[in-house]
C-alpha atoms as a PDB file:
ATOM      1  CA  MET A   1      22.381 -34.963 -56.661  1.00  0.00           C
ATOM      2  CA  THR A   2      19.778 -33.552 -54.298  1.00  0.00           C
ATOM      3  CA  LYS A   3      20.622 -30.944 -51.687  1.00  0.00           C
ATOM      4  CA  GLY A   4      19.634 -33.367 -48.902  1.00  0.00           C
ATOM      5  CA  LEU A   5      21.962 -36.093 -50.146  1.00  0.00           C
ATOM      6  CA  PHE A   6      24.789 -33.580 -50.574  1.00  0.00           C
ATOM      7  CA  ALA A   7      24.325 -32.318 -46.973  1.00  0.00           C
ATOM      8  CA  ARG A   8      24.458 -35.872 -45.624  1.00  0.00           C
ATOM      9  CA  MET A   9      27.654 -36.553 -47.556  1.00  0.00           C
ATOM     10  CA  ILE A  10      29.273 -33.410 -46.128  1.00  0.00           C
ATOM     11  CA  LEU A  11      28.259 -34.466 -42.615  1.00  0.00           C
ATOM     12  CA  LEU A  12      29.681 -37.961 -43.051  1.00  0.00           C
ATOM     13  CA  ALA A  13      32.919 -36.568 -44.422  1.00  0.00           C
ATOM     14  CA  ALA A  14      33.231 -34.166 -41.480  1.00  0.00           C
ATOM     15  CA  LEU A  15      32.665 -36.935 -38.960  1.00  0.00           C
ATOM     16  CA  ALA A  16      35.392 -38.952 -40.648  1.00  0.00           C
ATOM     17  CA  LEU A  17      37.963 -36.250 -39.954  1.00  0.00           C
ATOM     18  CA  PRO A  18      40.145 -37.130 -36.913  1.00  0.00           C
ATOM     19  CA  GLY A  19      39.821 -33.700 -35.358  1.00  0.00           C
ATOM     20  CA  LEU A  20      36.037 -33.852 -35.405  1.00  0.00           C
ATOM     21  CA  SER A  21      35.410 -37.425 -34.284  1.00  0.00           C
ATOM     22  CA  TRP A  22      33.700 -38.114 -30.962  1.00  0.00           C
ATOM     23  CA  ALA A  23      36.379 -38.819 -28.349  1.00  0.00           C
ATOM     24  CA  ALA A  24      35.853 -41.220 -25.486  1.00  0.00           C
ATOM     25  CA  TYR A  25      35.666 -39.666 -22.018  1.00  0.00           C
ATOM     26  CA  PRO A  26      37.997 -38.560 -20.529  1.00  0.00           C
ATOM     27  CA  GLU A  27      40.189 -36.917 -23.161  1.00  0.00           C
ATOM     28  CA  ARG A  28      41.871 -34.370 -20.875  1.00  0.00           C
ATOM     29  CA  PRO A  29      42.719 -33.952 -17.164  1.00  0.00           C
ATOM     30  CA  ILE A  30      39.913 -33.826 -14.596  1.00  0.00           C
ATOM     31  CA  ARG A  31      39.750 -31.326 -11.739  1.00  0.00           C
ATOM     32  CA  LEU A  32      38.764 -32.667  -8.301  1.00  0.00           C
ATOM     33  CA  VAL A  33      37.737 -29.792  -6.041  1.00  0.00           C
ATOM     34  CA  VAL A  34      38.482 -30.576  -2.383  1.00  0.00           C
ATOM     35  CA  PRO A  35      36.706 -28.030  -0.139  1.00  0.00           C
ATOM     36  CA  PHE A  36      39.435 -28.207   2.520  1.00  0.00           C
ATOM     37  CA  PRO A  37      42.968 -26.809   2.796  1.00  0.00           C
ATOM     38  CA  ALA A  38      45.866 -28.933   1.592  1.00  0.00           C
ATOM     39  CA  GLY A  39      47.629 -31.241   4.013  1.00  0.00           C
ATOM     40  CA  GLY A  40      44.767 -32.426   6.192  1.00  0.00           C
ATOM     41  CA  THR A  41      43.575 -36.011   6.535  1.00  0.00           C
ATOM     42  CA  THR A  42      40.729 -35.465   4.059  1.00  0.00           C
ATOM     43  CA  ASP A  43      43.072 -33.942   1.495  1.00  0.00           C
ATOM     44  CA  VAL A  44      45.555 -36.824   1.809  1.00  0.00           C
ATOM     45  CA  VAL A  45      42.835 -39.424   1.182  1.00  0.00           C
ATOM     46  CA  ALA A  46      41.407 -37.385  -1.715  1.00  0.00           C
ATOM     47  CA  ARG A  47      44.811 -37.262  -3.398  1.00  0.00           C
ATOM     48  CA  GLN A  48      45.296 -41.006  -3.035  1.00  0.00           C
ATOM     49  CA  VAL A  49      41.841 -41.626  -4.515  1.00  0.00           C
ATOM     50  CA  ALA A  50      42.677 -39.237  -7.369  1.00  0.00           C
ATOM     51  CA  ARG A  51      45.933 -41.059  -8.138  1.00  0.00           C
ATOM     52  CA  ASN A  52      44.209 -44.435  -8.187  1.00  0.00           C
ATOM     53  CA  MET A  53      41.400 -43.196 -10.421  1.00  0.00           C
ATOM     54  CA  SER A  54      43.897 -41.540 -12.775  1.00  0.00           C
ATOM     55  CA  ALA A  55      45.598 -44.884 -13.334  1.00  0.00           C
ATOM     56  CA  THR A  56      42.276 -46.407 -14.394  1.00  0.00           C
ATOM     57  CA  LEU A  57      41.018 -43.497 -16.503  1.00  0.00           C
ATOM     58  CA  GLY A  58      44.299 -42.791 -18.262  1.00  0.00           C
ATOM     59  CA  GLN A  59      44.031 -39.077 -17.477  1.00  0.00           C
ATOM     60  CA  GLU A  60      45.382 -37.091 -14.566  1.00  0.00           C
ATOM     61  CA  ILE A  61      42.969 -35.991 -11.842  1.00  0.00           C
ATOM     62  CA  ILE A  62      44.250 -32.698 -10.460  1.00  0.00           C
ATOM     63  CA  VAL A  63      43.302 -31.877  -6.867  1.00  0.00           C
ATOM     64  CA  ASP A  64      42.177 -28.261  -6.458  1.00  0.00           C
ATOM     65  CA  ASN A  65      41.969 -27.234  -2.792  1.00  0.00           C
ATOM     66  CA  ARG A  66      39.229 -24.643  -2.259  1.00  0.00           C
ATOM     67  CA  GLY A  67      38.929 -24.527   1.518  1.00  0.00           C
ATOM     68  CA  GLY A  68      37.003 -22.021   3.591  1.00  0.00           C
ATOM     69  CA  ALA A  69      33.518 -21.065   4.782  1.00  0.00           C
ATOM     70  CA  ALA A  70      32.640 -24.545   6.073  1.00  0.00           C
ATOM     71  CA  THR A  71      33.312 -26.078   2.601  1.00  0.00           C
ATOM     72  CA  ILE A  72      30.895 -23.640   0.920  1.00  0.00           C
ATOM     73  CA  ILE A  73      33.517 -22.006  -1.333  1.00  0.00           C
ATOM     74  CA  GLY A  74      34.642 -25.262  -2.899  1.00  0.00           C
ATOM     75  CA  VAL A  75      31.161 -26.730  -3.234  1.00  0.00           C
ATOM     76  CA  ASP A  76      29.806 -23.612  -4.923  1.00  0.00           C
ATOM     77  CA  THR A  77      32.718 -23.710  -7.391  1.00  0.00           C
ATOM     78  CA  VAL A  78      31.598 -27.131  -8.607  1.00  0.00           C
ATOM     79  CA  ALA A  79      27.901 -26.210  -8.618  1.00  0.00           C
ATOM     80  CA  LYS A  80      28.701 -23.470 -11.124  1.00  0.00           C
ATOM     81  CA  ALA A  81      31.071 -25.595 -13.254  1.00  0.00           C
ATOM     82  CA  ALA A  82      30.234 -27.019 -16.671  1.00  0.00           C
ATOM     83  CA  PRO A  83      28.485 -30.410 -16.354  1.00  0.00           C
ATOM     84  CA  ASP A  84      30.960 -32.176 -18.613  1.00  0.00           C
ATOM     85  CA  GLY A  85      32.750 -34.499 -16.174  1.00  0.00           C
ATOM     86  CA  TYR A  86      35.909 -32.420 -16.037  1.00  0.00           C
ATOM     87  CA  THR A  87      35.119 -30.748 -12.694  1.00  0.00           C
ATOM     88  CA  ILE A  88      34.013 -32.977  -9.821  1.00  0.00           C
ATOM     89  CA  LEU A  89      33.635 -32.515  -6.075  1.00  0.00           C
ATOM     90  CA  LEU A  90      34.815 -34.278  -2.966  1.00  0.00           C
ATOM     91  CA  ALA A  91      31.381 -34.315  -1.338  1.00  0.00           C
ATOM     92  CA  THR A  92      31.180 -34.432   2.463  1.00  0.00           C
ATOM     93  CA  ALA A  93      28.652 -34.700   5.257  1.00  0.00           C
ATOM     94  CA  THR A  94      29.395 -31.083   6.163  1.00  0.00           C
ATOM     95  CA  SER A  95      28.541 -29.897   2.650  1.00  0.00           C
ATOM     96  CA  PHE A  96      25.474 -32.021   1.924  1.00  0.00           C
ATOM     97  CA  SER A  97      24.030 -32.995   5.310  1.00  0.00           C
ATOM     98  CA  VAL A  98      24.842 -30.212   7.788  1.00  0.00           C
ATOM     99  CA  ASN A  99      25.199 -26.937   5.876  1.00  0.00           C
ATOM    100  CA  PRO A 100      21.688 -27.011   4.345  1.00  0.00           C
ATOM    101  CA  HIS A 101      20.320 -26.840   7.894  1.00  0.00           C
ATOM    102  CA  THR A 102      22.749 -24.317   9.381  1.00  0.00           C
ATOM    103  CA  TYR A 103      22.921 -21.724   6.569  1.00  0.00           C
ATOM    104  CA  LYS A 104      19.839 -19.860   5.387  1.00  0.00           C
ATOM    105  CA  ASN A 105      21.340 -18.585   2.147  1.00  0.00           C
ATOM    106  CA  LEU A 106      23.611 -21.280   0.785  1.00  0.00           C
ATOM    107  CA  PRO A 107      24.792 -20.390  -2.733  1.00  0.00           C
ATOM    108  CA  TYR A 108      24.297 -24.017  -3.808  1.00  0.00           C
ATOM    109  CA  ARG A 109      21.479 -26.575  -3.597  1.00  0.00           C
ATOM    110  CA  LEU A 110      21.709 -30.338  -3.211  1.00  0.00           C
ATOM    111  CA  ASP A 111      19.725 -30.879  -6.388  1.00  0.00           C
ATOM    112  CA  GLU A 112      22.532 -29.169  -8.324  1.00  0.00           C
ATOM    113  CA  PHE A 113      24.681 -32.290  -7.907  1.00  0.00           C
ATOM    114  CA  LEU A 114      24.701 -35.899  -9.058  1.00  0.00           C
ATOM    115  CA  PRO A 115      26.291 -38.512  -6.757  1.00  0.00           C
ATOM    116  CA  ILE A 116      29.153 -40.459  -8.322  1.00  0.00           C
ATOM    117  CA  GLY A 117      30.126 -42.808  -5.523  1.00  0.00           C
ATOM    118  CA  PHE A 118      31.014 -43.332  -1.899  1.00  0.00           C
ATOM    119  CA  ILE A 119      34.547 -43.265  -0.476  1.00  0.00           C
ATOM    120  CA  SER A 120      34.420 -43.759   3.289  1.00  0.00           C
ATOM    121  CA  GLU A 121      32.792 -42.918   6.591  1.00  0.00           C
ATOM    122  CA  ALA A 122      34.161 -42.571  10.109  1.00  0.00           C
ATOM    123  CA  PRO A 123      32.521 -42.091  13.489  1.00  0.00           C
ATOM    124  CA  ILE A 124      33.227 -39.403  16.059  1.00  0.00           C
ATOM    125  CA  VAL A 125      34.640 -40.309  19.467  1.00  0.00           C
ATOM    126  CA  LEU A 126      33.932 -38.767  22.881  1.00  0.00           C
ATOM    127  CA  VAL A 127      37.191 -38.226  24.761  1.00  0.00           C
ATOM    128  CA  ALA A 128      38.338 -36.703  28.038  1.00  0.00           C
ATOM    129  CA  PRO A 129      41.688 -36.202  29.768  1.00  0.00           C
ATOM    130  CA  PRO A 130      42.815 -38.936  32.209  1.00  0.00           C
ATOM    131  CA  SER A 131      41.969 -36.570  35.070  1.00  0.00           C
ATOM    132  CA  GLN A 132      38.282 -37.235  34.366  1.00  0.00           C
ATOM    133  CA  LYS A 133      37.083 -39.309  37.331  1.00  0.00           C
ATOM    134  CA  ALA A 134      34.530 -41.309  35.339  1.00  0.00           C
ATOM    135  CA  LYS A 135      36.051 -44.440  33.844  1.00  0.00           C
ATOM    136  CA  SER A 136      33.126 -45.472  31.623  1.00  0.00           C
ATOM    137  CA  LEU A 137      30.285 -43.826  29.724  1.00  0.00           C
ATOM    138  CA  PRO A 138      27.604 -44.871  32.266  1.00  0.00           C
ATOM    139  CA  GLU A 139      29.698 -43.325  35.049  1.00  0.00           C
ATOM    140  CA  LEU A 140      30.204 -40.181  32.978  1.00  0.00           C
ATOM    141  CA  VAL A 141      26.487 -39.843  32.222  1.00  0.00           C
ATOM    142  CA  GLN A 142      25.660 -40.226  35.890  1.00  0.00           C
ATOM    143  CA  ALA A 143      28.169 -37.515  36.811  1.00  0.00           C
ATOM    144  CA  LEU A 144      26.956 -35.114  34.134  1.00  0.00           C
ATOM    145  CA  LYS A 145      23.318 -35.477  35.152  1.00  0.00           C
ATOM    146  CA  ALA A 146      24.118 -35.146  38.846  1.00  0.00           C
ATOM    147  CA  ALA A 147      26.149 -31.974  38.320  1.00  0.00           C
ATOM    148  CA  GLY A 148      23.091 -29.888  37.501  1.00  0.00           C
ATOM    149  CA  VAL A 149      25.238 -27.295  35.698  1.00  0.00           C
ATOM    150  CA  GLU A 150      26.396 -26.656  32.162  1.00  0.00           C
ATOM    151  CA  THR A 151      29.424 -28.830  31.449  1.00  0.00           C
ATOM    152  CA  PRO A 152      32.109 -27.128  29.318  1.00  0.00           C
ATOM    153  CA  VAL A 153      32.702 -29.021  26.058  1.00  0.00           C
ATOM    154  CA  ALA A 154      35.371 -28.145  23.508  1.00  0.00           C
ATOM    155  CA  THR A 155      34.092 -27.832  19.924  1.00  0.00           C
ATOM    156  CA  THR A 156      35.411 -26.662  16.577  1.00  0.00           C
ATOM    157  CA  GLY A 157      32.695 -24.014  16.319  1.00  0.00           C
ATOM    158  CA  LYS A 158      28.952 -23.588  16.502  1.00  0.00           C
ATOM    159  CA  GLY A 159      27.129 -25.747  13.993  1.00  0.00           C
ATOM    160  CA  GLY A 160      30.133 -27.961  13.321  1.00  0.00           C
ATOM    161  CA  PHE A 161      30.289 -31.719  13.779  1.00  0.00           C
ATOM    162  CA  SER A 162      31.755 -31.614  17.283  1.00  0.00           C
ATOM    163  CA  HIS A 163      29.188 -29.067  18.464  1.00  0.00           C
ATOM    164  CA  LEU A 164      26.193 -30.833  16.944  1.00  0.00           C
ATOM    165  CA  THR A 165      27.294 -34.225  18.275  1.00  0.00           C
ATOM    166  CA  ALA A 166      27.714 -32.737  21.733  1.00  0.00           C
ATOM    167  CA  ALA A 167      24.193 -31.313  21.495  1.00  0.00           C
ATOM    168  CA  MET A 168      22.891 -34.707  20.382  1.00  0.00           C
ATOM    169  CA  PHE A 169      24.526 -36.441  23.339  1.00  0.00           C
ATOM    170  CA  PHE A 170      23.452 -33.955  26.014  1.00  0.00           C
ATOM    171  CA  ASN A 171      19.876 -33.909  24.680  1.00  0.00           C
ATOM    172  CA  ALA A 172      19.838 -37.704  24.825  1.00  0.00           C
ATOM    173  CA  ILE A 173      20.920 -37.814  28.479  1.00  0.00           C
ATOM    174  CA  ASP A 174      18.845 -34.755  29.489  1.00  0.00           C
ATOM    175  CA  ALA A 175      21.809 -32.703  30.698  1.00  0.00           C
ATOM    176  CA  ARG A 176      23.265 -29.318  29.733  1.00  0.00           C
ATOM    177  CA  PHE A 177      26.562 -28.267  28.214  1.00  0.00           C
ATOM    178  CA  ARG A 178      28.394 -25.031  27.448  1.00  0.00           C
ATOM    179  CA  ASP A 179      30.030 -24.687  24.062  1.00  0.00           C
ATOM    180  CA  VAL A 180      33.736 -23.781  24.230  1.00  0.00           C
ATOM    181  CA  PRO A 181      34.561 -23.083  20.557  1.00  0.00           C
ATOM    182  CA  TYR A 182      38.019 -23.302  18.980  1.00  0.00           C
ATOM    183  CA  ARG A 183      39.311 -22.481  15.492  1.00  0.00           C
ATOM    184  CA  GLY A 184      39.966 -26.111  14.673  1.00  0.00           C
ATOM    185  CA  GLU A 185      40.642 -29.518  16.153  1.00  0.00           C
ATOM    186  CA  ALA A 186      44.326 -28.936  16.938  1.00  0.00           C
ATOM    187  CA  PRO A 187      43.780 -26.092  19.455  1.00  0.00           C
ATOM    188  CA  ALA A 188      40.720 -27.836  20.899  1.00  0.00           C
ATOM    189  CA  LEU A 189      42.700 -31.015  21.527  1.00  0.00           C
ATOM    190  CA  GLN A 190      45.566 -29.007  23.010  1.00  0.00           C
ATOM    191  CA  ASP A 191      43.345 -27.655  25.776  1.00  0.00           C
ATOM    192  CA  VAL A 192      41.604 -30.985  26.331  1.00  0.00           C
ATOM    193  CA  LEU A 193      44.982 -32.712  26.660  1.00  0.00           C
ATOM    194  CA  ALA A 194      46.020 -30.034  29.152  1.00  0.00           C
ATOM    195  CA  GLY A 195      42.838 -30.557  31.149  1.00  0.00           C
ATOM    196  CA  GLN A 196      41.565 -27.028  30.482  1.00  0.00           C
ATOM    197  CA  VAL A 197      38.319 -28.431  29.039  1.00  0.00           C
ATOM    198  CA  GLY A 198      36.964 -31.766  30.190  1.00  0.00           C
ATOM    199  CA  LEU A 199      35.157 -33.210  27.153  1.00  0.00           C
ATOM    200  CA  TYR A 200      35.461 -33.230  23.374  1.00  0.00           C
ATOM    201  CA  PHE A 201      33.779 -35.015  20.459  1.00  0.00           C
ATOM    202  CA  GLY A 202      36.655 -35.418  18.016  1.00  0.00           C
ATOM    203  CA  SER A 203      37.661 -37.092  14.799  1.00  0.00           C
ATOM    204  CA  MET A 204      39.155 -40.557  14.887  1.00  0.00           C
ATOM    205  CA  PRO A 205      42.425 -39.491  13.217  1.00  0.00           C
ATOM    206  CA  GLY A 206      42.877 -36.631  15.664  1.00  0.00           C
ATOM    207  CA  THR A 207      42.023 -38.450  18.869  1.00  0.00           C
ATOM    208  CA  LEU A 208      43.011 -42.113  18.504  1.00  0.00           C
ATOM    209  CA  PRO A 209      46.794 -41.568  18.756  1.00  0.00           C
ATOM    210  CA  HIS A 210      46.260 -39.796  22.092  1.00  0.00           C
ATOM    211  CA  VAL A 211      43.877 -42.508  23.306  1.00  0.00           C
ATOM    212  CA  SER A 212      46.406 -45.205  22.387  1.00  0.00           C
ATOM    213  CA  ALA A 213      49.154 -43.314  24.223  1.00  0.00           C
ATOM    214  CA  GLY A 214      47.032 -42.913  27.351  1.00  0.00           C
ATOM    215  CA  ARG A 215      46.843 -39.136  27.031  1.00  0.00           C
ATOM    216  CA  LEU A 216      43.074 -39.231  26.484  1.00  0.00           C
ATOM    217  CA  ARG A 217      40.303 -41.586  27.568  1.00  0.00           C
ATOM    218  CA  GLY A 218      37.870 -42.712  24.864  1.00  0.00           C
ATOM    219  CA  PHE A 219      34.334 -43.231  26.159  1.00  0.00           C
ATOM    220  CA  ALA A 220      32.280 -44.108  23.077  1.00  0.00           C
ATOM    221  CA  VAL A 221      32.094 -43.833  19.288  1.00  0.00           C
ATOM    222  CA  THR A 222      29.126 -42.558  17.304  1.00  0.00           C
ATOM    223  CA  SER A 223      28.874 -45.480  14.858  1.00  0.00           C
ATOM    224  CA  VAL A 224      26.174 -48.067  15.513  1.00  0.00           C
ATOM    225  CA  GLU A 225      28.833 -50.722  16.070  1.00  0.00           C
ATOM    226  CA  ARG A 226      32.397 -50.473  17.338  1.00  0.00           C
ATOM    227  CA  SER A 227      34.965 -49.089  14.932  1.00  0.00           C
ATOM    228  CA  PRO A 228      37.466 -51.670  13.611  1.00  0.00           C
ATOM    229  CA  SER A 229      40.147 -49.045  14.262  1.00  0.00           C
ATOM    230  CA  ALA A 230      39.209 -48.736  17.940  1.00  0.00           C
ATOM    231  CA  PRO A 231      37.751 -52.109  18.998  1.00  0.00           C
ATOM    232  CA  ASP A 232      38.235 -51.339  22.692  1.00  0.00           C
ATOM    233  CA  ILE A 233      35.949 -48.297  22.592  1.00  0.00           C
ATOM    234  CA  PRO A 234      32.223 -49.169  22.750  1.00  0.00           C
ATOM    235  CA  SER A 235      29.555 -47.412  20.709  1.00  0.00           C
ATOM    236  CA  PHE A 236      26.839 -45.209  22.195  1.00  0.00           C
ATOM    237  CA  THR A 237      24.270 -47.589  20.734  1.00  0.00           C
ATOM    238  CA  GLU A 238      25.922 -50.517  22.466  1.00  0.00           C
ATOM    239  CA  LEU A 239      25.770 -48.566  25.736  1.00  0.00           C
ATOM    240  CA  ARG A 240      22.040 -47.915  25.305  1.00  0.00           C
ATOM    241  CA  ILE A 241      22.168 -44.360  24.000  1.00  0.00           C
ATOM    242  CA  PRO A 242      21.065 -45.132  20.423  1.00  0.00           C
ATOM    243  CA  GLU A 243      20.170 -41.490  19.730  1.00  0.00           C
ATOM    244  CA  VAL A 244      23.868 -40.678  19.382  1.00  0.00           C
ATOM    245  CA  VAL A 245      24.708 -41.884  15.883  1.00  0.00           C
ATOM    246  CA  ALA A 246      26.732 -39.725  13.525  1.00  0.00           C
ATOM    247  CA  THR A 247      29.368 -40.319  10.884  1.00  0.00           C
ATOM    248  CA  SER A 248      31.617 -38.073   8.873  1.00  0.00           C
ATOM    249  CA  TRP A 249      31.600 -39.307   5.282  1.00  0.00           C
ATOM    250  CA  PHE A 250      33.210 -38.544   1.931  1.00  0.00           C
ATOM    251  CA  GLY A 251      32.293 -39.309  -1.651  1.00  0.00           C
ATOM    252  CA  LEU A 252      32.384 -37.852  -5.146  1.00  0.00           C
ATOM    253  CA  ALA A 253      29.726 -35.787  -6.901  1.00  0.00           C
ATOM    254  CA  ALA A 254      29.392 -33.947 -10.203  1.00  0.00           C
ATOM    255  CA  PRO A 255      27.340 -30.961 -11.385  1.00  0.00           C
ATOM    256  CA  LYS A 256      23.770 -31.741 -12.366  1.00  0.00           C
ATOM    257  CA  GLY A 257      23.525 -32.399 -16.088  1.00  0.00           C
ATOM    258  CA  THR A 258      26.721 -34.426 -16.292  1.00  0.00           C
ATOM    259  CA  PRO A 259      26.030 -37.237 -18.817  1.00  0.00           C
ATOM    260  CA  ALA A 260      25.063 -40.617 -17.389  1.00  0.00           C
ATOM    261  CA  ASN A 261      27.882 -42.419 -19.181  1.00  0.00           C
ATOM    262  CA  VAL A 262      30.409 -40.025 -17.611  1.00  0.00           C
ATOM    263  CA  ILE A 263      28.963 -40.629 -14.136  1.00  0.00           C
ATOM    264  CA  ALA A 264      29.179 -44.380 -14.779  1.00  0.00           C
ATOM    265  CA  THR A 265      32.806 -44.128 -15.951  1.00  0.00           C
ATOM    266  CA  LEU A 266      33.838 -42.102 -12.915  1.00  0.00           C
ATOM    267  CA  GLY A 267      31.891 -44.384 -10.585  1.00  0.00           C
ATOM    268  CA  ALA A 268      33.579 -47.507 -11.922  1.00  0.00           C
ATOM    269  CA  ALA A 269      37.013 -45.893 -11.548  1.00  0.00           C
ATOM    270  CA  LEU A 270      36.190 -44.850  -7.981  1.00  0.00           C
ATOM    271  CA  THR A 271      35.007 -48.343  -7.070  1.00  0.00           C
ATOM    272  CA  LYS A 272      38.321 -49.755  -8.257  1.00  0.00           C
ATOM    273  CA  ALA A 273      40.286 -46.960  -6.544  1.00  0.00           C
ATOM    274  CA  VAL A 274      38.931 -47.637  -3.060  1.00  0.00           C
ATOM    275  CA  GLN A 275      39.805 -51.329  -3.296  1.00  0.00           C
ATOM    276  CA  ASP A 276      43.516 -50.450  -3.236  1.00  0.00           C
ATOM    277  CA  PRO A 277      45.111 -52.129  -0.164  1.00  0.00           C
ATOM    278  CA  ASP A 278      47.285 -49.085   0.588  1.00  0.00           C
ATOM    279  CA  LEU A 279      44.286 -46.774   0.561  1.00  0.00           C
ATOM    280  CA  LEU A 280      42.224 -49.176   2.681  1.00  0.00           C
ATOM    281  CA  ALA A 281      45.081 -49.328   5.208  1.00  0.00           C
ATOM    282  CA  ARG A 282      45.324 -45.543   5.287  1.00  0.00           C
ATOM    283  CA  MET A 283      41.584 -45.145   5.850  1.00  0.00           C
ATOM    284  CA  ALA A 284      41.567 -47.833   8.544  1.00  0.00           C
ATOM    285  CA  LYS A 285      44.351 -45.975  10.340  1.00  0.00           C
ATOM    286  CA  ASP A 286      42.089 -42.927  10.346  1.00  0.00           C
ATOM    287  CA  GLY A 287      39.149 -44.925  11.668  1.00  0.00           C
ATOM    288  CA  ALA A 288      37.352 -44.882   8.316  1.00  0.00           C
ATOM    289  CA  VAL A 289      35.700 -47.735   6.455  1.00  0.00           C
ATOM    290  CA  THR A 290      34.379 -47.984   2.910  1.00  0.00           C
ATOM    291  CA  ARG A 291      31.471 -49.848   1.399  1.00  0.00           C
ATOM    292  CA  SER A 292      30.216 -50.424  -2.101  1.00  0.00           C
ATOM    293  CA  MET A 293      27.394 -48.134  -3.263  1.00  0.00           C
ATOM    294  CA  SER A 294      25.886 -47.425  -6.644  1.00  0.00           C
ATOM    295  CA  PRO A 295      25.163 -43.760  -7.465  1.00  0.00           C
ATOM    296  CA  ALA A 296      21.496 -44.402  -6.597  1.00  0.00           C
ATOM    297  CA  GLU A 297      22.405 -45.977  -3.268  1.00  0.00           C
ATOM    298  CA  PHE A 298      24.759 -43.101  -2.506  1.00  0.00           C
ATOM    299  CA  ALA A 299      21.955 -40.632  -3.300  1.00  0.00           C
ATOM    300  CA  GLU A 300      19.695 -42.398  -0.791  1.00  0.00           C
ATOM    301  CA  TYR A 301      22.516 -42.414   1.777  1.00  0.00           C
ATOM    302  CA  ILE A 302      22.883 -38.638   1.377  1.00  0.00           C
ATOM    303  CA  ARG A 303      19.135 -38.090   1.669  1.00  0.00           C
ATOM    304  CA  THR A 304      18.881 -40.110   4.880  1.00  0.00           C
ATOM    305  CA  ASP A 305      21.940 -38.454   6.406  1.00  0.00           C
ATOM    306  CA  ASN A 306      20.637 -35.001   5.504  1.00  0.00           C
ATOM    307  CA  GLU A 307      17.360 -35.738   7.277  1.00  0.00           C
ATOM    308  CA  ARG A 308      19.204 -37.057  10.359  1.00  0.00           C
ATOM    309  CA  TRP A 309      21.341 -33.938  10.691  1.00  0.00           C
ATOM    310  CA  GLY A 310      18.279 -31.756  10.146  1.00  0.00           C
ATOM    311  CA  ARG A 311      16.701 -33.301  13.243  1.00  0.00           C
ATOM    312  CA  ILE A 312      19.944 -32.820  15.176  1.00  0.00           C
ATOM    313  CA  VAL A 313      20.234 -29.140  14.211  1.00  0.00           C
ATOM    314  CA  ARG A 314      16.618 -28.462  15.139  1.00  0.00           C
ATOM    315  CA  ALA A 315      17.008 -30.240  18.494  1.00  0.00           C
ATOM    316  CA  ALA A 316      20.125 -28.166  19.212  1.00  0.00           C
ATOM    317  CA  ASN A 317      18.168 -24.935  18.565  1.00  0.00           C
ATOM    318  CA  ILE A 318      20.945 -23.614  16.354  1.00  0.00           C
ATOM    319  CA  GLU A 319      20.086 -20.370  14.641  1.00  0.00           C
ATOM    320  CA  GLN A 320      20.900 -20.405  10.950  1.00  0.00           C
ATOM    321  CA  ASN A 321      23.673 -18.125   9.738  1.00  0.00           C
END
């Protein structure tokens, strides 16, 4: 018996052993890093997606909340993880579209990730307290331009979604605003509801309950068309301010180098997960909608959105941190 034949026989025998056979992915629990604290709207949706995907994959998907630093902590955790499909990321517009333009020294790069699939997107809504005299967006624009002063606008911090959308809007109408930053949406809404600050670009989940109750007036949403969750609120595009288009989106991504078959397996499970009626109802309540995207289509979506927010950041003259 030749040495070559003997080596092949040993290899075949080893592969026949149960402990050494190639197992189908996934063979152990998967970690989903959510770059936000537990309990928020994003976290709730992520956990429901994880449960639905777990049922399809036959392995638990454990949500690991790594909030802080404008999602940077959680995103960097996944960028440095092994590309084996057992650590994945809840990717967001903040992480992939905004941060690359507002931080000079991000510890991660977009090309360190592979898109898995899309979950949902939701517009932002411009709201004001009922004491605001303007009853429609055209009336509001006229008042803002006539004022000739900087209008105070509540935001959740410089370079965040609310601040950048405010900059987009005021640039579009050729008026000025003064940033009034808060440490989150809850305190910002508290002062807007009290009439301490007159305008705010807020999330649909945070603002719609107050609009429905008459505690806030909704002027326009930043999607191209009206949101199915707020059909009575027109879009900026509909009201002839097409420059104001912005959505907050979520999806899944994996570290670069993750095998293609693993990406495909996760993508198929995600596609099935977001078709769940309970999840769709939850997202609709939050003003979010989903749509089917392949990993390649999701990659193009991210690229286009990144370019859009780059233009917005540059127009807002925001100095990088």
